[in-house]
Amino acid sequence: MFCRGVRGATTVEADTRDEILTATRQLLALMIRLNEIDPQDVGSAIFSTTTDLNAEFPALAARQLGWLEVPLLCMHELDVPGSLRRCIRVLINWNTDLPQHDITHVYIKGAVKLRPDLCHLPPVDFAELEAWIAEQVAQFKK
């Protein structure tokens, strides 16, 4: 088994708690589903936001999905002039037998600009995704 990095990014329209948590849950849900990630195999996850986002820690979204034992860290990205704004990024360190070229990295919404070479996802049905997230959150609360 190897430790592989799974990258993802998304954007929000505004710096609000709800926007940050919703966008991060959606991003994590896609990363989990597309790669079949079991939280027990996750070594850690690092979340970053651009400096214009500070209304909530994006790692809280992972906790809401039941990642209670996974070490999580939040930080700000470098404030590079001209860079993408209102962006949330995540790097999941995942123990898996998959080779790196079989890992699906997830860039959605405005973040597709960051890695257009990796943005080969089918269209996302966000209503179906939110239903899956609700199931996960409800299961965790049991």
C-alpha atoms as a PDB file:
ATOM      1  CA  MET A   1       0.000   0.000   0.000  1.00  0.00           C
ATOM      2  CA  PHE A   2       1.243   3.480  -0.871  1.00  0.00           C
ATOM      3  CA  CYS A   3       0.407   6.976   0.358  1.00  0.00           C
ATOM      4  CA  ARG A   4      -1.054   8.919  -2.565  1.00  0.00           C
ATOM      5  CA  GLY A   5      -2.061  12.543  -2.798  1.00  0.00           C
ATOM      6  CA  VAL A   6      -5.565  13.361  -3.983  1.00  0.00           C
ATOM      7  CA  ARG A   7      -6.010  17.012  -4.922  1.00  0.00           C
ATOM      8  CA  GLY A   8      -9.148  19.036  -5.281  1.00  0.00           C
ATOM      9  CA  ALA A   9     -10.349  22.614  -5.414  1.00  0.00           C
ATOM     10  CA  THR A  10     -13.548  24.591  -5.649  1.00  0.00           C
ATOM     11  CA  THR A  11     -14.694  28.182  -5.373  1.00  0.00           C
ATOM     12  CA  VAL A  12     -17.421  30.042  -3.502  1.00  0.00           C
ATOM     13  CA  GLU A  13     -19.386  33.147  -4.393  1.00  0.00           C
ATOM     14  CA  ALA A  14     -19.074  34.772  -0.959  1.00  0.00           C
ATOM     15  CA  ASP A  15     -17.125  34.482   2.281  1.00  0.00           C
ATOM     16  CA  THR A  16     -19.868  32.957   4.412  1.00  0.00           C
ATOM     17  CA  ARG A  17     -19.846  29.965   6.726  1.00  0.00           C
ATOM     18  CA  ASP A  18     -22.590  28.203   4.758  1.00  0.00           C
ATOM     19  CA  GLU A  19     -20.921  28.746   1.370  1.00  0.00           C
ATOM     20  CA  ILE A  20     -17.549  27.473   2.607  1.00  0.00           C
ATOM     21  CA  LEU A  21     -19.022  24.377   4.274  1.00  0.00           C
ATOM     22  CA  THR A  22     -21.371  23.528   1.401  1.00  0.00           C
ATOM     23  CA  ALA A  23     -18.665  23.906  -1.244  1.00  0.00           C
ATOM     24  CA  THR A  24     -16.134  21.911   0.786  1.00  0.00           C
ATOM     25  CA  ARG A  25     -18.620  19.101   1.504  1.00  0.00           C
ATOM     26  CA  GLN A  26     -19.434  18.901  -2.216  1.00  0.00           C
ATOM     27  CA  LEU A  27     -15.748  18.798  -3.130  1.00  0.00           C
ATOM     28  CA  LEU A  28     -14.967  16.122  -0.543  1.00  0.00           C
ATOM     29  CA  ALA A  29     -18.024  14.074  -1.533  1.00  0.00           C
ATOM     30  CA  LEU A  30     -16.873  13.980  -5.153  1.00  0.00           C
ATOM     31  CA  MET A  31     -13.307  13.096  -4.157  1.00  0.00           C
ATOM     32  CA  ILE A  32     -14.577  10.318  -1.866  1.00  0.00           C
ATOM     33  CA  ARG A  33     -17.004   8.872  -4.390  1.00  0.00           C
ATOM     34  CA  LEU A  34     -14.791   9.056  -7.466  1.00  0.00           C
ATOM     35  CA  ASN A  35     -11.844   7.460  -5.669  1.00  0.00           C
ATOM     36  CA  GLU A  36     -13.795   5.206  -3.266  1.00  0.00           C
ATOM     37  CA  ILE A  37     -11.942   6.710  -0.314  1.00  0.00           C
ATOM     38  CA  ASP A  38     -12.554   5.119   3.073  1.00  0.00           C
ATOM     39  CA  PRO A  39     -11.769   7.570   5.887  1.00  0.00           C
ATOM     40  CA  GLN A  40      -9.930   4.781   7.720  1.00  0.00           C
ATOM     41  CA  ASP A  41      -7.361   4.844   4.900  1.00  0.00           C
ATOM     42  CA  VAL A  42      -6.806   8.610   5.069  1.00  0.00           C
ATOM     43  CA  GLY A  43      -3.541   9.608   6.741  1.00  0.00           C
ATOM     44  CA  SER A  44      -4.351  13.329   6.835  1.00  0.00           C
ATOM     45  CA  ALA A  45      -5.940  16.154   4.881  1.00  0.00           C
ATOM     46  CA  ILE A  46      -4.728  19.695   4.364  1.00  0.00           C
ATOM     47  CA  PHE A  47      -7.214  22.423   3.486  1.00  0.00           C
ATOM     48  CA  SER A  48      -6.274  25.862   2.253  1.00  0.00           C
ATOM     49  CA  THR A  49      -8.249  28.937   1.357  1.00  0.00           C
ATOM     50  CA  THR A  50      -7.326  32.107  -0.403  1.00  0.00           C
ATOM     51  CA  THR A  51      -6.841  34.984   2.020  1.00  0.00           C
ATOM     52  CA  ASP A  52     -10.256  36.443   1.151  1.00  0.00           C
ATOM     53  CA  LEU A  53     -11.966  33.488   2.899  1.00  0.00           C
ATOM     54  CA  ASN A  54     -12.065  33.336   6.691  1.00  0.00           C
ATOM     55  CA  ALA A  55     -15.707  32.846   7.721  1.00  0.00           C
ATOM     56  CA  GLU A  56     -15.160  29.153   8.627  1.00  0.00           C
ATOM     57  CA  PHE A  57     -12.562  26.404   8.693  1.00  0.00           C
ATOM     58  CA  PRO A  58     -13.149  24.219   5.606  1.00  0.00           C
ATOM     59  CA  ALA A  59     -11.964  21.158   7.573  1.00  0.00           C
ATOM     60  CA  LEU A  60     -15.227  21.334   9.539  1.00  0.00           C
ATOM     61  CA  ALA A  61     -16.912  19.919   6.408  1.00  0.00           C
ATOM     62  CA  ALA A  62     -14.801  16.765   6.747  1.00  0.00           C
ATOM     63  CA  ARG A  63     -15.792  16.459  10.409  1.00  0.00           C
ATOM     64  CA  GLN A  64     -19.444  16.807   9.381  1.00  0.00           C
ATOM     65  CA  LEU A  65     -18.921  13.848   7.016  1.00  0.00           C
ATOM     66  CA  GLY A  66     -17.609  11.739   9.900  1.00  0.00           C
ATOM     67  CA  TRP A  67     -13.862  12.200   9.548  1.00  0.00           C
ATOM     68  CA  LEU A  68     -13.370  12.449  13.317  1.00  0.00           C
ATOM     69  CA  GLU A  69     -10.105  10.515  13.567  1.00  0.00           C
ATOM     70  CA  VAL A  70      -8.415  11.969  10.485  1.00  0.00           C
ATOM     71  CA  PRO A  71      -5.789  14.642  11.240  1.00  0.00           C
ATOM     72  CA  LEU A  72      -6.895  17.843   9.487  1.00  0.00           C
ATOM     73  CA  LEU A  73      -5.134  21.161   8.976  1.00  0.00           C
ATOM     74  CA  CYS A  74      -6.350  24.489   7.591  1.00  0.00           C
ATOM     75  CA  MET A  75      -4.235  27.340   6.273  1.00  0.00           C
ATOM     76  CA  HIS A  76      -4.185  30.204   3.792  1.00  0.00           C
ATOM     77  CA  GLU A  77      -2.632  30.031   0.334  1.00  0.00           C
ATOM     78  CA  LEU A  78      -0.005  32.554  -0.702  1.00  0.00           C
ATOM     79  CA  ASP A  79      -1.679  35.784  -1.797  1.00  0.00           C
ATOM     80  CA  VAL A  80      -0.223  35.861  -5.309  1.00  0.00           C
ATOM     81  CA  PRO A  81      -1.367  38.862  -7.382  1.00  0.00           C
ATOM     82  CA  GLY A  82      -3.788  37.808 -10.119  1.00  0.00           C
ATOM     83  CA  SER A  83      -4.480  34.371  -8.621  1.00  0.00           C
ATOM     84  CA  LEU A  84      -7.918  32.783  -8.399  1.00  0.00           C
ATOM     85  CA  ARG A  85      -9.989  34.322  -5.590  1.00  0.00           C
ATOM     86  CA  ARG A  86     -12.470  32.714  -3.129  1.00  0.00           C
ATOM     87  CA  CYS A  87     -10.847  29.320  -3.666  1.00  0.00           C
ATOM     88  CA  ILE A  88     -10.777  26.310  -1.333  1.00  0.00           C
ATOM     89  CA  ARG A  89      -8.166  23.610  -1.948  1.00  0.00           C
ATOM     90  CA  VAL A  90      -7.638  20.221  -0.335  1.00  0.00           C
ATOM     91  CA  LEU A  91      -4.860  17.659  -0.397  1.00  0.00           C
ATOM     92  CA  ILE A  92      -5.832  14.250   0.985  1.00  0.00           C
ATOM     93  CA  ASN A  93      -2.987  11.899   1.891  1.00  0.00           C
ATOM     94  CA  TRP A  94      -4.583   8.526   1.202  1.00  0.00           C
ATOM     95  CA  ASN A  95      -3.230   5.016   1.723  1.00  0.00           C
ATOM     96  CA  THR A  96      -4.208   2.975  -1.326  1.00  0.00           C
ATOM     97  CA  ASP A  97      -3.008   0.315  -3.707  1.00  0.00           C
ATOM     98  CA  LEU A  98      -3.986   2.446  -6.712  1.00  0.00           C
ATOM     99  CA  PRO A  99      -1.176   3.791  -8.871  1.00  0.00           C
ATOM    100  CA  GLN A 100      -0.951   7.591  -8.986  1.00  0.00           C
ATOM    101  CA  HIS A 101      -2.252   7.735 -12.596  1.00  0.00           C
ATOM    102  CA  ASP A 102      -5.526   6.090 -11.469  1.00  0.00           C
ATOM    103  CA  ILE A 103      -6.261   8.757  -8.842  1.00  0.00           C
ATOM    104  CA  THR A 104      -9.071  11.141  -9.810  1.00  0.00           C
ATOM    105  CA  HIS A 105      -8.318  14.724  -8.785  1.00  0.00           C
ATOM    106  CA  VAL A 106     -11.373  16.978  -8.554  1.00  0.00           C
ATOM    107  CA  TYR A 107     -11.528  20.597  -9.676  1.00  0.00           C
ATOM    108  CA  ILE A 108     -15.006  22.102  -9.824  1.00  0.00           C
ATOM    109  CA  LYS A 109     -16.741  25.435 -10.284  1.00  0.00           C
ATOM    110  CA  GLY A 110     -14.260  28.289 -10.867  1.00  0.00           C
ATOM    111  CA  ALA A 111     -11.335  26.093  -9.811  1.00  0.00           C
ATOM    112  CA  VAL A 112     -11.336  24.248 -13.155  1.00  0.00           C
ATOM    113  CA  LYS A 113      -9.041  27.094 -14.270  1.00  0.00           C
ATOM    114  CA  LEU A 114      -6.337  25.796 -11.922  1.00  0.00           C
ATOM    115  CA  ARG A 115      -5.862  22.417 -13.617  1.00  0.00           C
ATOM    116  CA  PRO A 116      -7.803  22.179 -16.873  1.00  0.00           C
ATOM    117  CA  ASP A 117      -5.674  19.142 -17.734  1.00  0.00           C
ATOM    118  CA  LEU A 118      -7.277  17.240 -14.835  1.00  0.00           C
ATOM    119  CA  CYS A 119     -10.864  18.394 -15.346  1.00  0.00           C
ATOM    120  CA  HIS A 120     -12.331  15.413 -17.151  1.00  0.00           C
ATOM    121  CA  LEU A 121     -15.267  14.806 -14.837  1.00  0.00           C
ATOM    122  CA  PRO A 122     -18.743  14.089 -16.147  1.00  0.00           C
ATOM    123  CA  PRO A 123     -21.272  16.821 -15.376  1.00  0.00           C
ATOM    124  CA  VAL A 124     -22.017  16.944 -11.662  1.00  0.00           C
ATOM    125  CA  ASP A 125     -25.625  16.505 -10.540  1.00  0.00           C
ATOM    126  CA  PHE A 126     -25.413  18.714  -7.449  1.00  0.00           C
ATOM    127  CA  ALA A 127     -28.931  17.778  -6.268  1.00  0.00           C
ATOM    128  CA  GLU A 128     -27.984  14.081  -6.252  1.00  0.00           C
ATOM    129  CA  LEU A 129     -24.663  14.936  -4.613  1.00  0.00           C
ATOM    130  CA  GLU A 130     -26.419  16.892  -1.840  1.00  0.00           C
ATOM    131  CA  ALA A 131     -28.726  13.894  -1.241  1.00  0.00           C
ATOM    132  CA  TRP A 132     -25.650  11.640  -0.838  1.00  0.00           C
ATOM    133  CA  ILE A 133     -24.064  14.167   1.533  1.00  0.00           C
ATOM    134  CA  ALA A 134     -27.268  14.303   3.607  1.00  0.00           C
ATOM    135  CA  GLU A 135     -27.216  10.491   3.889  1.00  0.00           C
ATOM    136  CA  GLN A 136     -23.598  10.555   5.053  1.00  0.00           C
ATOM    137  CA  VAL A 137     -24.237  13.266   7.629  1.00  0.00           C
ATOM    138  CA  ALA A 138     -27.357  11.470   8.917  1.00  0.00           C
ATOM    139  CA  GLN A 139     -25.461   8.179   9.146  1.00  0.00           C
ATOM    140  CA  PHE A 140     -22.684   9.856  11.099  1.00  0.00           C
ATOM    141  CA  LYS A 141     -25.153  11.418  13.566  1.00  0.00           C
ATOM    142  CA  LYS A 142     -26.661   8.004  14.476  1.00  0.00           C
END
